[in-house]
Amino acid sequence: MPAKVKTFSELAMEYGVCRNTLRKWIKPIEKELNLTRRALHEWQVKKIYLFLDEPR
């Protein structure tokens, strides 16, 4: 699955969980991601995919 700019909700839907659950899963790398309220940049999406493995 190619990475691109996505919202946090879109990313959570790909993993089949709610946003709060996804946020808990990525807690260990949260500081590296520099999360804001805006859409996730491509590099942030790639980093999450590497940490959690790409969704099916």
PDB file of N, CA and C in Angstrom:
ATOM      1  N   MET A   1       0.839  -1.173   0.000  1.00  0.00           N
ATOM      2  CA  MET A   1       0.000   0.000   0.000  1.00  0.00           C
ATOM      3  C   MET A   1       0.892   1.247   0.000  1.00  0.00           C
ATOM      4  N   PRO A   2       0.801   2.062  -1.005  1.00  0.00           N
ATOM      5  CA  PRO A   2       1.663   3.242  -1.067  1.00  0.00           C
ATOM      6  C   PRO A   2       1.260   4.278  -0.027  1.00  0.00           C
ATOM      7  N   ALA A   3       2.247   4.921   0.561  1.00  0.00           N
ATOM      8  CA  ALA A   3       1.992   5.948   1.558  1.00  0.00           C
ATOM      9  C   ALA A   3       1.677   7.263   0.858  1.00  0.00           C
ATOM     10  N   LYS A   4       0.810   8.053   1.461  1.00  0.00           N
ATOM     11  CA  LYS A   4       0.487   9.380   0.952  1.00  0.00           C
ATOM     12  C   LYS A   4      -0.044  10.194   2.121  1.00  0.00           C
ATOM     13  N   VAL A   5      -0.380  11.434   1.874  1.00  0.00           N
ATOM     14  CA  VAL A   5      -0.936  12.269   2.933  1.00  0.00           C
ATOM     15  C   VAL A   5      -2.314  11.720   3.299  1.00  0.00           C
ATOM     16  N   LYS A   6      -2.529  11.497   4.592  1.00  0.00           N
ATOM     17  CA  LYS A   6      -3.792  10.930   5.067  1.00  0.00           C
ATOM     18  C   LYS A   6      -4.185  11.589   6.376  1.00  0.00           C
ATOM     19  N   THR A   7      -5.472  11.541   6.671  1.00  0.00           N
ATOM     20  CA  THR A   7      -5.906  12.001   7.982  1.00  0.00           C
ATOM     21  C   THR A   7      -5.722  10.854   8.970  1.00  0.00           C
ATOM     22  N   PHE A   8      -5.730  11.210  10.249  1.00  0.00           N
ATOM     23  CA  PHE A   8      -5.578  10.198  11.285  1.00  0.00           C
ATOM     24  C   PHE A   8      -6.757   9.220  11.241  1.00  0.00           C
ATOM     25  N   SER A   9      -7.951   9.733  10.932  1.00  0.00           N
ATOM     26  CA  SER A   9      -9.145   8.882  10.841  1.00  0.00           C
ATOM     27  C   SER A   9      -9.023   7.872   9.702  1.00  0.00           C
ATOM     28  N   GLU A  10      -8.508   8.318   8.554  1.00  0.00           N
ATOM     29  CA  GLU A  10      -8.320   7.413   7.415  1.00  0.00           C
ATOM     30  C   GLU A  10      -7.350   6.295   7.770  1.00  0.00           C
ATOM     31  N   LEU A  11      -6.285   6.661   8.454  1.00  0.00           N
ATOM     32  CA  LEU A  11      -5.295   5.672   8.849  1.00  0.00           C
ATOM     33  C   LEU A  11      -5.893   4.668   9.833  1.00  0.00           C
ATOM     34  N   ALA A  12      -6.683   5.159  10.780  1.00  0.00           N
ATOM     35  CA  ALA A  12      -7.329   4.276  11.749  1.00  0.00           C
ATOM     36  C   ALA A  12      -8.298   3.317  11.043  1.00  0.00           C
ATOM     37  N   MET A  13      -9.033   3.816  10.030  1.00  0.00           N
ATOM     38  CA  MET A  13      -9.954   2.954   9.285  1.00  0.00           C
ATOM     39  C   MET A  13      -9.204   1.850   8.558  1.00  0.00           C
ATOM     40  N   GLU A  14      -8.017   2.160   8.033  1.00  0.00           N
ATOM     41  CA  GLU A  14      -7.216   1.135   7.353  1.00  0.00           C
ATOM     42  C   GLU A  14      -6.862  -0.007   8.301  1.00  0.00           C
ATOM     43  N   TYR A  15      -6.592   0.326   9.549  1.00  0.00           N
ATOM     44  CA  TYR A  15      -6.240  -0.691  10.545  1.00  0.00           C
ATOM     45  C   TYR A  15      -7.480  -1.309  11.197  1.00  0.00           C
ATOM     46  N   GLY A  16      -8.649  -0.748  10.929  1.00  0.00           N
ATOM     47  CA  GLY A  16      -9.892  -1.297  11.473  1.00  0.00           C
ATOM     48  C   GLY A  16     -10.084  -1.004  12.951  1.00  0.00           C
ATOM     49  N   VAL A  17      -9.561   0.123  13.415  1.00  0.00           N
ATOM     50  CA  VAL A  17      -9.699   0.510  14.823  1.00  0.00           C
ATOM     51  C   VAL A  17     -10.137   1.971  14.893  1.00  0.00           C
ATOM     52  N   CYS A  18     -10.504   2.417  16.088  1.00  0.00           N
ATOM     53  CA  CYS A  18     -10.864   3.826  16.257  1.00  0.00           C
ATOM     54  C   CYS A  18      -9.590   4.651  16.427  1.00  0.00           C
ATOM     55  N   ARG A  19      -9.737   5.960  16.312  1.00  0.00           N
ATOM     56  CA  ARG A  19      -8.579   6.855  16.394  1.00  0.00           C
ATOM     57  C   ARG A  19      -7.859   6.739  17.729  1.00  0.00           C
ATOM     58  N   ASN A  20      -8.615   6.598  18.817  1.00  0.00           N
ATOM     59  CA  ASN A  20      -7.995   6.495  20.140  1.00  0.00           C
ATOM     60  C   ASN A  20      -7.120   5.251  20.261  1.00  0.00           C
ATOM     61  N   THR A  21      -7.580   4.152  19.711  1.00  0.00           N
ATOM     62  CA  THR A  21      -6.801   2.912  19.752  1.00  0.00           C
ATOM     63  C   THR A  21      -5.516   3.073  18.950  1.00  0.00           C
ATOM     64  N   LEU A  22      -5.609   3.660  17.759  1.00  0.00           N
ATOM     65  CA  LEU A  22      -4.420   3.878  16.944  1.00  0.00           C
ATOM     66  C   LEU A  22      -3.436   4.788  17.669  1.00  0.00           C
ATOM     67  N   ARG A  23      -3.938   5.804  18.332  1.00  0.00           N
ATOM     68  CA  ARG A  23      -3.066   6.722  19.071  1.00  0.00           C
ATOM     69  C   ARG A  23      -2.321   5.983  20.185  1.00  0.00           C
ATOM     70  N   LYS A  24      -3.001   5.044  20.851  1.00  0.00           N
ATOM     71  CA  LYS A  24      -2.351   4.240  21.899  1.00  0.00           C
ATOM     72  C   LYS A  24      -1.268   3.342  21.298  1.00  0.00           C
ATOM     73  N   TRP A  25      -1.545   2.787  20.126  1.00  0.00           N
ATOM     74  CA  TRP A  25      -0.582   1.896  19.481  1.00  0.00           C
ATOM     75  C   TRP A  25       0.693   2.633  19.100  1.00  0.00           C
ATOM     76  N   ILE A  26       0.577   3.889  18.669  1.00  0.00           N
ATOM     77  CA  ILE A  26       1.760   4.611  18.204  1.00  0.00           C
ATOM     78  C   ILE A  26       2.399   5.463  19.303  1.00  0.00           C
ATOM     79  N   LYS A  27       1.931   5.329  20.519  1.00  0.00           N
ATOM     80  CA  LYS A  27       2.468   6.103  21.647  1.00  0.00           C
ATOM     81  C   LYS A  27       3.997   6.025  21.741  1.00  0.00           C
ATOM     82  N   PRO A  28       4.632   4.856  21.543  1.00  0.00           N
ATOM     83  CA  PRO A  28       6.099   4.787  21.642  1.00  0.00           C
ATOM     84  C   PRO A  28       6.854   5.665  20.628  1.00  0.00           C
ATOM     85  N   ILE A  29       6.249   5.967  19.490  1.00  0.00           N
ATOM     86  CA  ILE A  29       6.944   6.779  18.483  1.00  0.00           C
ATOM     87  C   ILE A  29       6.290   8.149  18.309  1.00  0.00           C
ATOM     88  N   GLU A  30       5.437   8.533  19.209  1.00  0.00           N
ATOM     89  CA  GLU A  30       4.674   9.774  19.092  1.00  0.00           C
ATOM     90  C   GLU A  30       5.577  11.014  18.971  1.00  0.00           C
ATOM     91  N   LYS A  31       6.645  11.063  19.752  1.00  0.00           N
ATOM     92  CA  LYS A  31       7.537  12.227  19.711  1.00  0.00           C
ATOM     93  C   LYS A  31       8.267  12.325  18.381  1.00  0.00           C
ATOM     94  N   GLU A  32       8.607  11.204  17.791  1.00  0.00           N
ATOM     95  CA  GLU A  32       9.287  11.204  16.486  1.00  0.00           C
ATOM     96  C   GLU A  32       8.369  11.704  15.372  1.00  0.00           C
ATOM     97  N   LEU A  33       7.062  11.501  15.550  1.00  0.00           N
ATOM     98  CA  LEU A  33       6.106  11.852  14.507  1.00  0.00           C
ATOM     99  C   LEU A  33       5.740  13.336  14.482  1.00  0.00           C
ATOM    100  N   ASN A  34       5.968  14.045  15.583  1.00  0.00           N
ATOM    101  CA  ASN A  34       5.602  15.469  15.659  1.00  0.00           C
ATOM    102  C   ASN A  34       4.156  15.685  15.208  1.00  0.00           C
ATOM    103  N   LEU A  35       3.234  14.989  15.840  1.00  0.00           N
ATOM    104  CA  LEU A  35       1.832  15.042  15.438  1.00  0.00           C
ATOM    105  C   LEU A  35       1.214  16.408  15.695  1.00  0.00           C
ATOM    106  N   THR A  36       0.379  16.834  14.745  1.00  0.00           N
ATOM    107  CA  THR A  36      -0.409  18.055  14.879  1.00  0.00           C
ATOM    108  C   THR A  36      -1.857  17.696  14.592  1.00  0.00           C
ATOM    109  N   ARG A  37      -2.705  18.675  14.541  1.00  0.00           N
ATOM    110  CA  ARG A  37      -4.114  18.412  14.255  1.00  0.00           C
ATOM    111  C   ARG A  37      -4.380  18.306  12.763  1.00  0.00           C
ATOM    112  N   ARG A  38      -3.381  18.536  11.965  1.00  0.00           N
ATOM    113  CA  ARG A  38      -3.533  18.491  10.512  1.00  0.00           C
ATOM    114  C   ARG A  38      -3.337  17.069   9.988  1.00  0.00           C
ATOM    115  N   ALA A  39      -3.500  16.918   8.695  1.00  0.00           N
ATOM    116  CA  ALA A  39      -3.298  15.614   8.050  1.00  0.00           C
ATOM    117  C   ALA A  39      -1.859  15.160   8.250  1.00  0.00           C
ATOM    118  N   LEU A  40      -1.669  13.859   8.249  1.00  0.00           N
ATOM    119  CA  LEU A  40      -0.331  13.285   8.404  1.00  0.00           C
ATOM    120  C   LEU A  40       0.433  13.406   7.093  1.00  0.00           C
ATOM    121  N   HIS A  41       1.678  13.798   7.181  1.00  0.00           N
ATOM    122  CA  HIS A  41       2.533  13.872   6.000  1.00  0.00           C
ATOM    123  C   HIS A  41       2.925  12.464   5.572  1.00  0.00           C
ATOM    124  N   GLU A  42       3.424  12.373   4.358  1.00  0.00           N
ATOM    125  CA  GLU A  42       3.813  11.075   3.818  1.00  0.00           C
ATOM    126  C   GLU A  42       4.859  10.392   4.689  1.00  0.00           C
ATOM    127  N   TRP A  43       5.841  11.152   5.191  1.00  0.00           N
ATOM    128  CA  TRP A  43       6.891  10.554   6.019  1.00  0.00           C
ATOM    129  C   TRP A  43       6.322  10.039   7.341  1.00  0.00           C
ATOM    130  N   GLN A  44       5.284  10.681   7.868  1.00  0.00           N
ATOM    131  CA  GLN A  44       4.666  10.213   9.105  1.00  0.00           C
ATOM    132  C   GLN A  44       3.904   8.911   8.863  1.00  0.00           C
ATOM    133  N   VAL A  45       3.194   8.856   7.751  1.00  0.00           N
ATOM    134  CA  VAL A  45       2.446   7.646   7.399  1.00  0.00           C
ATOM    135  C   VAL A  45       3.412   6.477   7.208  1.00  0.00           C
ATOM    136  N   LYS A  46       4.521   6.713   6.504  1.00  0.00           N
ATOM    137  CA  LYS A  46       5.507   5.647   6.284  1.00  0.00           C
ATOM    138  C   LYS A  46       6.084   5.146   7.604  1.00  0.00           C
ATOM    139  N   LYS A  47       6.362   6.079   8.530  1.00  0.00           N
ATOM    140  CA  LYS A  47       6.929   5.705   9.823  1.00  0.00           C
ATOM    141  C   LYS A  47       5.931   4.853  10.625  1.00  0.00           C
ATOM    142  N   ILE A  48       4.654   5.198  10.554  1.00  0.00           N
ATOM    143  CA  ILE A  48       3.621   4.411  11.242  1.00  0.00           C
ATOM    144  C   ILE A  48       3.512   3.031  10.606  1.00  0.00           C
ATOM    145  N   TYR A  49       3.543   2.966   9.268  1.00  0.00           N
ATOM    146  CA  TYR A  49       3.497   1.676   8.574  1.00  0.00           C
ATOM    147  C   TYR A  49       4.684   0.794   8.978  1.00  0.00           C
ATOM    148  N   LEU A  50       5.856   1.379   9.105  1.00  0.00           N
ATOM    149  CA  LEU A  50       7.023   0.604   9.503  1.00  0.00           C
ATOM    150  C   LEU A  50       6.893   0.106  10.947  1.00  0.00           C
ATOM    151  N   PHE A  51       6.365   0.943  11.804  1.00  0.00           N
ATOM    152  CA  PHE A  51       6.235   0.582  13.213  1.00  0.00           C
ATOM    153  C   PHE A  51       5.154  -0.474  13.435  1.00  0.00           C
ATOM    154  N   LEU A  52       4.023  -0.331  12.777  1.00  0.00           N
ATOM    155  CA  LEU A  52       2.877  -1.247  13.002  1.00  0.00           C
ATOM    156  C   LEU A  52       2.730  -2.315  11.924  1.00  0.00           C
ATOM    157  N   ASP A  53       3.502  -2.265  10.894  1.00  0.00           N
ATOM    158  CA  ASP A  53       3.325  -3.074   9.684  1.00  0.00           C
ATOM    159  C   ASP A  53       2.144  -2.506   8.907  1.00  0.00           C
ATOM    160  N   GLU A  54       2.210  -2.614   7.603  1.00  0.00           N
ATOM    161  CA  GLU A  54       1.151  -2.063   6.765  1.00  0.00           C
ATOM    162  C   GLU A  54      -0.153  -2.821   6.976  1.00  0.00           C
ATOM    163  N   PRO A  55      -1.284  -2.104   6.949  1.00  0.00           N
ATOM    164  CA  PRO A  55      -2.579  -2.791   7.104  1.00  0.00           C
ATOM    165  C   PRO A  55      -2.879  -3.675   5.900  1.00  0.00           C
ATOM    166  N   ARG A  56      -3.697  -4.630   6.112  1.00  0.00           N
ATOM    167  CA  ARG A  56      -4.034  -5.580   5.033  1.00  0.00           C
ATOM    168  C   ARG A  56      -5.075  -5.004   4.121  1.00  0.00           C
TER     169      ARG A  56
END
